[in-house]
Each structure stands twice: as structure tokens, then as C-alpha cells.
Amino acid sequence: MKEISVQELKEKLDSGEDFQLIDVREDFEYETSNLGGKHIPLGGILIEADQVEKDKPVVVMCRSGKRSSVALHQLEAQGYTNLYNLKGGILAWQAEIDPTISVY
């Protein structure tokens, strides 16, 4: 499984790089705080797999990196090879990039 740090994600966002960010947390978590990614809760990731890009890098995130790693494994089993897990999830983002973001 390929991983990306929150610093690397911030660089991608700041530079306007063409990639997709997917947040696999539940609705209430996404509503509390998010980084603007496409919201596909983990339970629906395979049902909505057609919304996951195949022709550019895709960063998958959650609260801590555990659910996103599960999503990666599920999607990789479907043939995806362009996926990156956000190490530490939104908790790492709050700790290292933006301490003002709400976490729970």
C-alpha cells in the first residue's frame, strides 16, 4: 500500500496538482471537518467505486488512516493501482498542518 504524508498532501493542494481526494469517514465526521475531498463513506466505497478516478492519483483519507487503508485494499482488489493512503488522516492534518480544524 502506497502512503502519502499530510505535508505531501498540502503540497499537492497548494500547487493545484491534478489528483482526487476521497474522504471515507461517516457523514457526521465529514460535516465536522473536511479537506474538500469527495465524500464516499467506507461502507459504500465498492458500490460507488465508479466515482473513483482511475487515470490520476487518488488520495484516500479518514480520521486516522485505518479506514482509508481498508478502502485502499478493497479498491486495489478491484484493480485500482493509483491509490495513496493519507498517513494519520485528519488527526495528522490537525496536528501538523492546521491546528484550528475541528477533530473529535
PDB file of N, CA and C in Angstrom:
ATOM      1  N   MET A   1       0.839  -1.179   0.000  1.00  0.00           N
ATOM      2  CA  MET A   1       0.000   0.000   0.000  1.00  0.00           C
ATOM      3  C   MET A   1       0.884   1.243   0.000  1.00  0.00           C
ATOM      4  N   LYS A   2       0.605   2.147  -0.941  1.00  0.00           N
ATOM      5  CA  LYS A   2       1.355   3.397  -1.014  1.00  0.00           C
ATOM      6  C   LYS A   2       0.724   4.400  -0.046  1.00  0.00           C
ATOM      7  N   GLU A   3       1.583   5.204   0.587  1.00  0.00           N
ATOM      8  CA  GLU A   3       1.103   6.203   1.531  1.00  0.00           C
ATOM      9  C   GLU A   3       1.643   7.577   1.176  1.00  0.00           C
ATOM     10  N   ILE A   4       0.958   8.595   1.682  1.00  0.00           N
ATOM     11  CA  ILE A   4       1.362   9.975   1.484  1.00  0.00           C
ATOM     12  C   ILE A   4       1.228  10.684   2.834  1.00  0.00           C
ATOM     13  N   SER A   5       2.145  11.586   3.129  1.00  0.00           N
ATOM     14  CA  SER A   5       2.086  12.326   4.389  1.00  0.00           C
ATOM     15  C   SER A   5       1.172  13.540   4.238  1.00  0.00           C
ATOM     16  N   VAL A   6       0.775  14.128   5.363  1.00  0.00           N
ATOM     17  CA  VAL A   6      -0.049  15.333   5.291  1.00  0.00           C
ATOM     18  C   VAL A   6       0.730  16.484   4.664  1.00  0.00           C
ATOM     19  N   GLN A   7       2.046  16.522   4.865  1.00  0.00           N
ATOM     20  CA  GLN A   7       2.859  17.566   4.228  1.00  0.00           C
ATOM     21  C   GLN A   7       2.823  17.412   2.709  1.00  0.00           C
ATOM     22  N   GLU A   8       2.939  16.168   2.232  1.00  0.00           N
ATOM     23  CA  GLU A   8       2.881  15.923   0.789  1.00  0.00           C
ATOM     24  C   GLU A   8       1.508  16.277   0.227  1.00  0.00           C
ATOM     25  N   LEU A   9       0.443  15.967   0.989  1.00  0.00           N
ATOM     26  CA  LEU A   9      -0.900  16.326   0.540  1.00  0.00           C
ATOM     27  C   LEU A   9      -1.051  17.840   0.466  1.00  0.00           C
ATOM     28  N   LYS A  10      -0.556  18.556   1.456  1.00  0.00           N
ATOM     29  CA  LYS A  10      -0.642  20.012   1.439  1.00  0.00           C
ATOM     30  C   LYS A  10       0.076  20.582   0.219  1.00  0.00           C
ATOM     31  N   GLU A  11       1.241  20.023  -0.118  1.00  0.00           N
ATOM     32  CA  GLU A  11       1.973  20.466  -1.307  1.00  0.00           C
ATOM     33  C   GLU A  11       1.142  20.252  -2.573  1.00  0.00           C
ATOM     34  N   LYS A  12       0.472  19.092  -2.662  1.00  0.00           N
ATOM     35  CA  LYS A  12      -0.370  18.809  -3.828  1.00  0.00           C
ATOM     36  C   LYS A  12      -1.518  19.818  -3.911  1.00  0.00           C
ATOM     37  N   LEU A  13      -2.156  20.090  -2.778  1.00  0.00           N
ATOM     38  CA  LEU A  13      -3.267  21.038  -2.753  1.00  0.00           C
ATOM     39  C   LEU A  13      -2.792  22.445  -3.117  1.00  0.00           C
ATOM     40  N   ASP A  14      -1.682  22.866  -2.516  1.00  0.00           N
ATOM     41  CA  ASP A  14      -1.166  24.219  -2.741  1.00  0.00           C
ATOM     42  C   ASP A  14      -0.714  24.436  -4.185  1.00  0.00           C
ATOM     43  N   SER A  15      -0.192  23.387  -4.804  1.00  0.00           N
ATOM     44  CA  SER A  15       0.333  23.527  -6.171  1.00  0.00           C
ATOM     45  C   SER A  15      -0.750  23.348  -7.241  1.00  0.00           C
ATOM     46  N   GLY A  16      -1.939  22.938  -6.813  1.00  0.00           N
ATOM     47  CA  GLY A  16      -3.012  22.721  -7.780  1.00  0.00           C
ATOM     48  C   GLY A  16      -2.844  21.458  -8.600  1.00  0.00           C
ATOM     49  N   GLU A  17      -2.054  20.529  -8.085  1.00  0.00           N
ATOM     50  CA  GLU A  17      -1.825  19.265  -8.796  1.00  0.00           C
ATOM     51  C   GLU A  17      -3.150  18.556  -9.079  1.00  0.00           C
ATOM     52  N   ASP A  18      -3.212  17.869 -10.204  1.00  0.00           N
ATOM     53  CA  ASP A  18      -4.414  17.153 -10.607  1.00  0.00           C
ATOM     54  C   ASP A  18      -4.437  15.778  -9.940  1.00  0.00           C
ATOM     55  N   PHE A  19      -5.271  15.671  -8.912  1.00  0.00           N
ATOM     56  CA  PHE A  19      -5.457  14.401  -8.217  1.00  0.00           C
ATOM     57  C   PHE A  19      -6.846  14.417  -7.596  1.00  0.00           C
ATOM     58  N   GLN A  20      -7.288  13.263  -7.117  1.00  0.00           N
ATOM     59  CA  GLN A  20      -8.584  13.178  -6.447  1.00  0.00           C
ATOM     60  C   GLN A  20      -8.368  12.858  -4.983  1.00  0.00           C
ATOM     61  N   LEU A  21      -9.096  13.544  -4.111  1.00  0.00           N
ATOM     62  CA  LEU A  21      -9.072  13.285  -2.675  1.00  0.00           C
ATOM     63  C   LEU A  21     -10.414  12.696  -2.293  1.00  0.00           C
ATOM     64  N   ILE A  22     -10.383  11.525  -1.652  1.00  0.00           N
ATOM     65  CA  ILE A  22     -11.611  10.858  -1.219  1.00  0.00           C
ATOM     66  C   ILE A  22     -11.569  10.700   0.295  1.00  0.00           C
ATOM     67  N   ASP A  23     -12.657  11.092   0.939  1.00  0.00           N
ATOM     68  CA  ASP A  23     -12.805  11.008   2.395  1.00  0.00           C
ATOM     69  C   ASP A  23     -13.799   9.891   2.687  1.00  0.00           C
ATOM     70  N   VAL A  24     -13.358   8.837   3.391  1.00  0.00           N
ATOM     71  CA  VAL A  24     -14.215   7.674   3.634  1.00  0.00           C
ATOM     72  C   VAL A  24     -14.850   7.667   5.024  1.00  0.00           C
ATOM     73  N   ARG A  25     -14.795   8.815   5.713  1.00  0.00           N
ATOM     74  CA  ARG A  25     -15.428   8.893   7.031  1.00  0.00           C
ATOM     75  C   ARG A  25     -16.953   8.964   6.901  1.00  0.00           C
ATOM     76  N   GLU A  26     -17.636   8.827   8.026  1.00  0.00           N
ATOM     77  CA  GLU A  26     -19.098   8.897   8.048  1.00  0.00           C
ATOM     78  C   GLU A  26     -19.566  10.343   7.866  1.00  0.00           C
ATOM     79  N   ASP A  27     -20.861  10.499   7.565  1.00  0.00           N
ATOM     80  CA  ASP A  27     -21.423  11.821   7.294  1.00  0.00           C
ATOM     81  C   ASP A  27     -21.115  12.826   8.395  1.00  0.00           C
ATOM     82  N   PHE A  28     -21.388  12.458   9.662  1.00  0.00           N
ATOM     83  CA  PHE A  28     -21.201  13.418  10.752  1.00  0.00           C
ATOM     84  C   PHE A  28     -19.735  13.825  10.891  1.00  0.00           C
ATOM     85  N   GLU A  29     -18.825  12.913  10.587  1.00  0.00           N
ATOM     86  CA  GLU A  29     -17.399  13.233  10.671  1.00  0.00           C
ATOM     87  C   GLU A  29     -17.011  14.219   9.571  1.00  0.00           C
ATOM     88  N   TYR A  30     -17.495  13.950   8.375  1.00  0.00           N
ATOM     89  CA  TYR A  30     -17.200  14.819   7.229  1.00  0.00           C
ATOM     90  C   TYR A  30     -17.765  16.219   7.471  1.00  0.00           C
ATOM     91  N   GLU A  31     -18.980  16.276   8.045  1.00  0.00           N
ATOM     92  CA  GLU A  31     -19.609  17.567   8.315  1.00  0.00           C
ATOM     93  C   GLU A  31     -18.866  18.348   9.394  1.00  0.00           C
ATOM     94  N   THR A  32     -18.238  17.649  10.336  1.00  0.00           N
ATOM     95  CA  THR A  32     -17.477  18.307  11.400  1.00  0.00           C
ATOM     96  C   THR A  32     -16.265  19.018  10.829  1.00  0.00           C
ATOM     97  N   SER A  33     -15.548  18.359   9.952  1.00  0.00           N
ATOM     98  CA  SER A  33     -14.365  18.942   9.320  1.00  0.00           C
ATOM     99  C   SER A  33     -13.991  18.092   8.119  1.00  0.00           C
ATOM    100  N   ASN A  34     -13.552  18.770   7.063  1.00  0.00           N
ATOM    101  CA  ASN A  34     -13.089  18.039   5.882  1.00  0.00           C
ATOM    102  C   ASN A  34     -12.111  18.906   5.119  1.00  0.00           C
ATOM    103  N   LEU A  35     -11.403  18.278   4.208  1.00  0.00           N
ATOM    104  CA  LEU A  35     -10.401  18.974   3.412  1.00  0.00           C
ATOM    105  C   LEU A  35     -10.888  19.222   1.987  1.00  0.00           C
ATOM    106  N   GLY A  36     -12.196  19.075   1.777  1.00  0.00           N
ATOM    107  CA  GLY A  36     -12.763  19.353   0.469  1.00  0.00           C
ATOM    108  C   GLY A  36     -12.775  18.177  -0.484  1.00  0.00           C
ATOM    109  N   GLY A  37     -12.452  17.004   0.021  1.00  0.00           N
ATOM    110  CA  GLY A  37     -12.441  15.827  -0.843  1.00  0.00           C
ATOM    111  C   GLY A  37     -13.832  15.289  -1.118  1.00  0.00           C
ATOM    112  N   LYS A  38     -13.921  14.391  -2.080  1.00  0.00           N
ATOM    113  CA  LYS A  38     -15.179  13.715  -2.395  1.00  0.00           C
ATOM    114  C   LYS A  38     -15.523  12.793  -1.236  1.00  0.00           C
ATOM    115  N   HIS A  39     -16.756  12.868  -0.778  1.00  0.00           N
ATOM    116  CA  HIS A  39     -17.178  12.082   0.381  1.00  0.00           C
ATOM    117  C   HIS A  39     -17.830  10.780  -0.072  1.00  0.00           C
ATOM    118  N   ILE A  40     -17.158   9.670   0.207  1.00  0.00           N
ATOM    119  CA  ILE A  40     -17.706   8.333  -0.047  1.00  0.00           C
ATOM    120  C   ILE A  40     -17.437   7.506   1.208  1.00  0.00           C
ATOM    121  N   PRO A  41     -18.415   7.370   2.112  1.00  0.00           N
ATOM    122  CA  PRO A  41     -18.179   6.586   3.328  1.00  0.00           C
ATOM    123  C   PRO A  41     -17.677   5.172   3.013  1.00  0.00           C
ATOM    124  N   LEU A  42     -16.842   4.646   3.890  1.00  0.00           N
ATOM    125  CA  LEU A  42     -16.222   3.336   3.682  1.00  0.00           C
ATOM    126  C   LEU A  42     -17.241   2.269   3.303  1.00  0.00           C
ATOM    127  N   GLY A  43     -18.390   2.250   3.972  1.00  0.00           N
ATOM    128  CA  GLY A  43     -19.397   1.233   3.698  1.00  0.00           C
ATOM    129  C   GLY A  43     -19.910   1.239   2.262  1.00  0.00           C
ATOM    130  N   GLY A  44     -19.743   2.353   1.552  1.00  0.00           N
ATOM    131  CA  GLY A  44     -20.231   2.450   0.183  1.00  0.00           C
ATOM    132  C   GLY A  44     -19.142   2.528  -0.864  1.00  0.00           C
ATOM    133  N   ILE A  45     -17.882   2.299  -0.457  1.00  0.00           N
ATOM    134  CA  ILE A  45     -16.766   2.521  -1.380  1.00  0.00           C
ATOM    135  C   ILE A  45     -16.824   1.602  -2.608  1.00  0.00           C
ATOM    136  N   LEU A  46     -17.231   0.372  -2.434  1.00  0.00           N
ATOM    137  CA  LEU A  46     -17.301  -0.520  -3.594  1.00  0.00           C
ATOM    138  C   LEU A  46     -18.527  -0.228  -4.447  1.00  0.00           C
ATOM    139  N   ILE A  47     -19.639   0.139  -3.806  1.00  0.00           N
ATOM    140  CA  ILE A  47     -20.857   0.488  -4.540  1.00  0.00           C
ATOM    141  C   ILE A  47     -20.611   1.732  -5.398  1.00  0.00           C
ATOM    142  N   GLU A  48     -19.824   2.669  -4.872  1.00  0.00           N
ATOM    143  CA  GLU A  48     -19.566   3.925  -5.573  1.00  0.00           C
ATOM    144  C   GLU A  48     -18.170   3.959  -6.201  1.00  0.00           C
ATOM    145  N   ALA A  49     -17.591   2.799  -6.437  1.00  0.00           N
ATOM    146  CA  ALA A  49     -16.230   2.728  -6.987  1.00  0.00           C
ATOM    147  C   ALA A  49     -16.125   3.422  -8.345  1.00  0.00           C
ATOM    148  N   ASP A  50     -17.230   3.517  -9.071  1.00  0.00           N
ATOM    149  CA  ASP A  50     -17.186   4.190 -10.367  1.00  0.00           C
ATOM    150  C   ASP A  50     -16.903   5.687 -10.240  1.00  0.00           C
ATOM    151  N   GLN A  51     -17.008   6.235  -9.027  1.00  0.00           N
ATOM    152  CA  GLN A  51     -16.704   7.646  -8.792  1.00  0.00           C
ATOM    153  C   GLN A  51     -15.236   7.872  -8.453  1.00  0.00           C
ATOM    154  N   VAL A  52     -14.487   6.779  -8.307  1.00  0.00           N
ATOM    155  CA  VAL A  52     -13.059   6.864  -8.001  1.00  0.00           C
ATOM    156  C   VAL A  52     -12.294   6.899  -9.319  1.00  0.00           C
ATOM    157  N   GLU A  53     -11.490   7.947  -9.486  1.00  0.00           N
ATOM    158  CA  GLU A  53     -10.729   8.121 -10.729  1.00  0.00           C
ATOM    159  C   GLU A  53      -9.729   6.971 -10.912  1.00  0.00           C
ATOM    160  N   LYS A  54      -9.500   6.610 -12.164  1.00  0.00           N
ATOM    161  CA  LYS A  54      -8.511   5.581 -12.470  1.00  0.00           C
ATOM    162  C   LYS A  54      -7.319   6.148 -13.229  1.00  0.00           C
ATOM    163  N   ASP A  55      -7.470   7.382 -13.752  1.00  0.00           N
ATOM    164  CA  ASP A  55      -6.442   7.934 -14.627  1.00  0.00           C
ATOM    165  C   ASP A  55      -5.620   9.049 -13.997  1.00  0.00           C
ATOM    166  N   LYS A  56      -5.717   9.217 -12.667  1.00  0.00           N
ATOM    167  CA  LYS A  56      -4.876  10.171 -11.953  1.00  0.00           C
ATOM    168  C   LYS A  56      -4.713   9.698 -10.517  1.00  0.00           C
ATOM    169  N   PRO A  57      -3.741  10.243  -9.785  1.00  0.00           N
ATOM    170  CA  PRO A  57      -3.546   9.810  -8.397  1.00  0.00           C
ATOM    171  C   PRO A  57      -4.794  10.068  -7.551  1.00  0.00           C
ATOM    172  N   VAL A  58      -5.070   9.143  -6.644  1.00  0.00           N
ATOM    173  CA  VAL A  58      -6.196   9.261  -5.731  1.00  0.00           C
ATOM    174  C   VAL A  58      -5.667   9.095  -4.307  1.00  0.00           C
ATOM    175  N   VAL A  59      -5.908  10.110  -3.469  1.00  0.00           N
ATOM    176  CA  VAL A  59      -5.529  10.057  -2.057  1.00  0.00           C
ATOM    177  C   VAL A  59      -6.795   9.755  -1.266  1.00  0.00           C
ATOM    178  N   VAL A  60      -6.737   8.711  -0.435  1.00  0.00           N
ATOM    179  CA  VAL A  60      -7.881   8.307   0.369  1.00  0.00           C
ATOM    180  C   VAL A  60      -7.569   8.632   1.825  1.00  0.00           C
ATOM    181  N   MET A  61      -8.543   9.284   2.507  1.00  0.00           N
ATOM    182  CA  MET A  61      -8.311   9.710   3.876  1.00  0.00           C
ATOM    183  C   MET A  61      -9.483   9.338   4.780  1.00  0.00           C
ATOM    184  N   CYS A  62      -9.192   9.303   6.083  1.00  0.00           N
ATOM    185  CA  CYS A  62     -10.218   9.108   7.101  1.00  0.00           C
ATOM    186  C   CYS A  62      -9.770   9.861   8.348  1.00  0.00           C
ATOM    187  N   ARG A  63     -10.146   9.399   9.511  1.00  0.00           N
ATOM    188  CA  ARG A  63      -9.769  10.081  10.752  1.00  0.00           C
ATOM    189  C   ARG A  63      -8.306   9.839  11.091  1.00  0.00           C
ATOM    190  N   SER A  64      -7.875   8.559  11.021  1.00  0.00           N
ATOM    191  CA  SER A  64      -6.525   8.220  11.476  1.00  0.00           C
ATOM    192  C   SER A  64      -5.694   7.460  10.453  1.00  0.00           C
ATOM    193  N   GLY A  65      -6.306   7.011   9.371  1.00  0.00           N
ATOM    194  CA  GLY A  65      -5.596   6.238   8.359  1.00  0.00           C
ATOM    195  C   GLY A  65      -5.984   4.778   8.318  1.00  0.00           C
ATOM    196  N   LYS A  66      -6.771   4.316   9.283  1.00  0.00           N
ATOM    197  CA  LYS A  66      -7.142   2.899   9.319  1.00  0.00           C
ATOM    198  C   LYS A  66      -8.250   2.566   8.328  1.00  0.00           C
ATOM    199  N   ARG A  67      -9.344   3.324   8.363  1.00  0.00           N
ATOM    200  CA  ARG A  67     -10.441   3.047   7.422  1.00  0.00           C
ATOM    201  C   ARG A  67     -10.018   3.297   5.987  1.00  0.00           C
ATOM    202  N   SER A  68      -9.197   4.320   5.785  1.00  0.00           N
ATOM    203  CA  SER A  68      -8.745   4.582   4.416  1.00  0.00           C
ATOM    204  C   SER A  68      -7.882   3.437   3.905  1.00  0.00           C
ATOM    205  N   SER A  69      -7.099   2.797   4.778  1.00  0.00           N
ATOM    206  CA  SER A  69      -6.300   1.653   4.332  1.00  0.00           C
ATOM    207  C   SER A  69      -7.206   0.476   3.969  1.00  0.00           C
ATOM    208  N   VAL A  70      -8.305   0.308   4.687  1.00  0.00           N
ATOM    209  CA  VAL A  70      -9.277  -0.738   4.343  1.00  0.00           C
ATOM    210  C   VAL A  70      -9.876  -0.437   2.967  1.00  0.00           C
ATOM    211  N   ALA A  71     -10.234   0.837   2.735  1.00  0.00           N
ATOM    212  CA  ALA A  71     -10.791   1.231   1.440  1.00  0.00           C
ATOM    213  C   ALA A  71      -9.789   0.965   0.322  1.00  0.00           C
ATOM    214  N   LEU A  72      -8.520   1.287   0.570  1.00  0.00           N
ATOM    215  CA  LEU A  72      -7.487   1.037  -0.438  1.00  0.00           C
ATOM    216  C   LEU A  72      -7.419  -0.436  -0.798  1.00  0.00           C
ATOM    217  N   HIS A  73      -7.390  -1.296   0.209  1.00  0.00           N
ATOM    218  CA  HIS A  73      -7.310  -2.733  -0.056  1.00  0.00           C
ATOM    219  C   HIS A  73      -8.522  -3.205  -0.861  1.00  0.00           C
ATOM    220  N   GLN A  74      -9.714  -2.690  -0.529  1.00  0.00           N
ATOM    221  CA  GLN A  74     -10.919  -3.091  -1.263  1.00  0.00           C
ATOM    222  C   GLN A  74     -10.841  -2.639  -2.719  1.00  0.00           C
ATOM    223  N   LEU A  75     -10.403  -1.407  -2.935  1.00  0.00           N
ATOM    224  CA  LEU A  75     -10.322  -0.881  -4.302  1.00  0.00           C
ATOM    225  C   LEU A  75      -9.189  -1.531  -5.087  1.00  0.00           C
ATOM    226  N   GLU A  76      -8.060  -1.795  -4.423  1.00  0.00           N
ATOM    227  CA  GLU A  76      -6.958  -2.465  -5.110  1.00  0.00           C
ATOM    228  C   GLU A  76      -7.372  -3.861  -5.565  1.00  0.00           C
ATOM    229  N   ALA A  77      -8.230  -4.518  -4.796  1.00  0.00           N
ATOM    230  CA  ALA A  77      -8.739  -5.836  -5.189  1.00  0.00           C
ATOM    231  C   ALA A  77      -9.609  -5.737  -6.443  1.00  0.00           C
ATOM    232  N   GLN A  78     -10.119  -4.528  -6.719  1.00  0.00           N
ATOM    233  CA  GLN A  78     -10.918  -4.290  -7.923  1.00  0.00           C
ATOM    234  C   GLN A  78     -10.055  -3.824  -9.097  1.00  0.00           C
ATOM    235  N   GLY A  79      -8.736  -3.772  -8.892  1.00  0.00           N
ATOM    236  CA  GLY A  79      -7.832  -3.428  -9.979  1.00  0.00           C
ATOM    237  C   GLY A  79      -7.246  -2.027  -9.944  1.00  0.00           C
ATOM    238  N   TYR A  80      -7.579  -1.235  -8.948  1.00  0.00           N
ATOM    239  CA  TYR A  80      -7.015   0.112  -8.848  1.00  0.00           C
ATOM    240  C   TYR A  80      -5.541   0.042  -8.456  1.00  0.00           C
ATOM    241  N   THR A  81      -4.721   0.857  -9.118  1.00  0.00           N
ATOM    242  CA  THR A  81      -3.277   0.872  -8.830  1.00  0.00           C
ATOM    243  C   THR A  81      -2.769   2.287  -8.549  1.00  0.00           C
ATOM    244  N   ASN A  82      -3.664   3.262  -8.511  1.00  0.00           N
ATOM    245  CA  ASN A  82      -3.293   4.674  -8.410  1.00  0.00           C
ATOM    246  C   ASN A  82      -3.660   5.291  -7.062  1.00  0.00           C
ATOM    247  N   LEU A  83      -3.709   4.482  -6.016  1.00  0.00           N
ATOM    248  CA  LEU A  83      -4.227   4.918  -4.717  1.00  0.00           C
ATOM    249  C   LEU A  83      -3.124   5.161  -3.694  1.00  0.00           C
ATOM    250  N   TYR A  84      -3.359   6.175  -2.847  1.00  0.00           N
ATOM    251  CA  TYR A  84      -2.440   6.521  -1.758  1.00  0.00           C
ATOM    252  C   TYR A  84      -3.244   6.715  -0.481  1.00  0.00           C
ATOM    253  N   ASN A  85      -2.772   6.139   0.601  1.00  0.00           N
ATOM    254  CA  ASN A  85      -3.399   6.305   1.909  1.00  0.00           C
ATOM    255  C   ASN A  85      -2.789   7.528   2.597  1.00  0.00           C
ATOM    256  N   LEU A  86      -3.645   8.398   3.164  1.00  0.00           N
ATOM    257  CA  LEU A  86      -3.138   9.550   3.910  1.00  0.00           C
ATOM    258  C   LEU A  86      -2.744   9.087   5.307  1.00  0.00           C
ATOM    259  N   LYS A  87      -1.432   9.068   5.558  1.00  0.00           N
ATOM    260  CA  LYS A  87      -0.908   8.630   6.857  1.00  0.00           C
ATOM    261  C   LYS A  87      -1.414   9.545   7.966  1.00  0.00           C
ATOM    262  N   GLY A  88      -2.056   8.954   8.970  1.00  0.00           N
ATOM    263  CA  GLY A  88      -2.509   9.717  10.125  1.00  0.00           C
ATOM    264  C   GLY A  88      -3.833  10.423   9.951  1.00  0.00           C
ATOM    265  N   GLY A  89      -4.378  10.442   8.729  1.00  0.00           N
ATOM    266  CA  GLY A  89      -5.691  11.015   8.476  1.00  0.00           C
ATOM    267  C   GLY A  89      -5.828  12.469   8.897  1.00  0.00           C
ATOM    268  N   ILE A  90      -7.069  12.845   9.185  1.00  0.00           N
ATOM    269  CA  ILE A  90      -7.339  14.242   9.539  1.00  0.00           C
ATOM    270  C   ILE A  90      -6.733  14.605  10.893  1.00  0.00           C
ATOM    271  N   LEU A  91      -6.481  13.599  11.733  1.00  0.00           N
ATOM    272  CA  LEU A  91      -5.815  13.876  13.011  1.00  0.00           C
ATOM    273  C   LEU A  91      -4.394  14.391  12.769  1.00  0.00           C
ATOM    274  N   ALA A  92      -3.697  13.804  11.822  1.00  0.00           N
ATOM    275  CA  ALA A  92      -2.346  14.265  11.485  1.00  0.00           C
ATOM    276  C   ALA A  92      -2.405  15.644  10.834  1.00  0.00           C
ATOM    277  N   TRP A  93      -3.427  15.874  10.004  1.00  0.00           N
ATOM    278  CA  TRP A  93      -3.583  17.182   9.377  1.00  0.00           C
ATOM    279  C   TRP A  93      -3.745  18.260  10.457  1.00  0.00           C
ATOM    280  N   GLN A  94      -4.577  17.962  11.443  1.00  0.00           N
ATOM    281  CA  GLN A  94      -4.813  18.922  12.527  1.00  0.00           C
ATOM    282  C   GLN A  94      -3.544  19.132  13.348  1.00  0.00           C
ATOM    283  N   ALA A  95      -2.801  18.068  13.600  1.00  0.00           N
ATOM    284  CA  ALA A  95      -1.589  18.155  14.423  1.00  0.00           C
ATOM    285  C   ALA A  95      -0.438  18.855  13.700  1.00  0.00           C
ATOM    286  N   GLU A  96      -0.320  18.645  12.381  1.00  0.00           N
ATOM    287  CA  GLU A  96       0.869  19.116  11.668  1.00  0.00           C
ATOM    288  C   GLU A  96       0.631  20.295  10.718  1.00  0.00           C
ATOM    289  N   ILE A  97      -0.609  20.477  10.253  1.00  0.00           N
ATOM    290  CA  ILE A  97      -0.867  21.494   9.230  1.00  0.00           C
ATOM    291  C   ILE A  97      -1.791  22.602   9.741  1.00  0.00           C
ATOM    292  N   ASP A  98      -2.952  22.235  10.266  1.00  0.00           N
ATOM    293  CA  ASP A  98      -3.954  23.228  10.643  1.00  0.00           C
ATOM    294  C   ASP A  98      -4.548  22.925  12.019  1.00  0.00           C
ATOM    295  N   PRO A  99      -3.967  23.503  13.076  1.00  0.00           N
ATOM    296  CA  PRO A  99      -4.467  23.221  14.424  1.00  0.00           C
ATOM    297  C   PRO A  99      -5.856  23.791  14.703  1.00  0.00           C
ATOM    298  N   THR A 100      -6.385  24.619  13.806  1.00  0.00           N
ATOM    299  CA  THR A 100      -7.712  25.194  14.031  1.00  0.00           C
ATOM    300  C   THR A 100      -8.852  24.299  13.535  1.00  0.00           C
ATOM    301  N   ILE A 101      -8.517  23.252  12.775  1.00  0.00           N
ATOM    302  CA  ILE A 101      -9.568  22.386  12.235  1.00  0.00           C
ATOM    303  C   ILE A 101     -10.173  21.543  13.361  1.00  0.00           C
ATOM    304  N   SER A 102     -11.478  21.358  13.310  1.00  0.00           N
ATOM    305  CA  SER A 102     -12.176  20.597  14.349  1.00  0.00           C
ATOM    306  C   SER A 102     -11.963  19.103  14.144  1.00  0.00           C
ATOM    307  N   VAL A 103     -11.547  18.438  15.214  1.00  0.00           N
ATOM    308  CA  VAL A 103     -11.464  16.975  15.218  1.00  0.00           C
ATOM    309  C   VAL A 103     -12.193  16.476  16.442  1.00  0.00           C
ATOM    310  N   TYR A 104     -12.417  15.191  16.524  1.00  0.00           N
ATOM    311  CA  TYR A 104     -13.267  14.629  17.564  1.00  0.00           C
ATOM    312  C   TYR A 104     -12.578  13.442  18.185  1.00  0.00           C
TER     313      TYR A 104
END
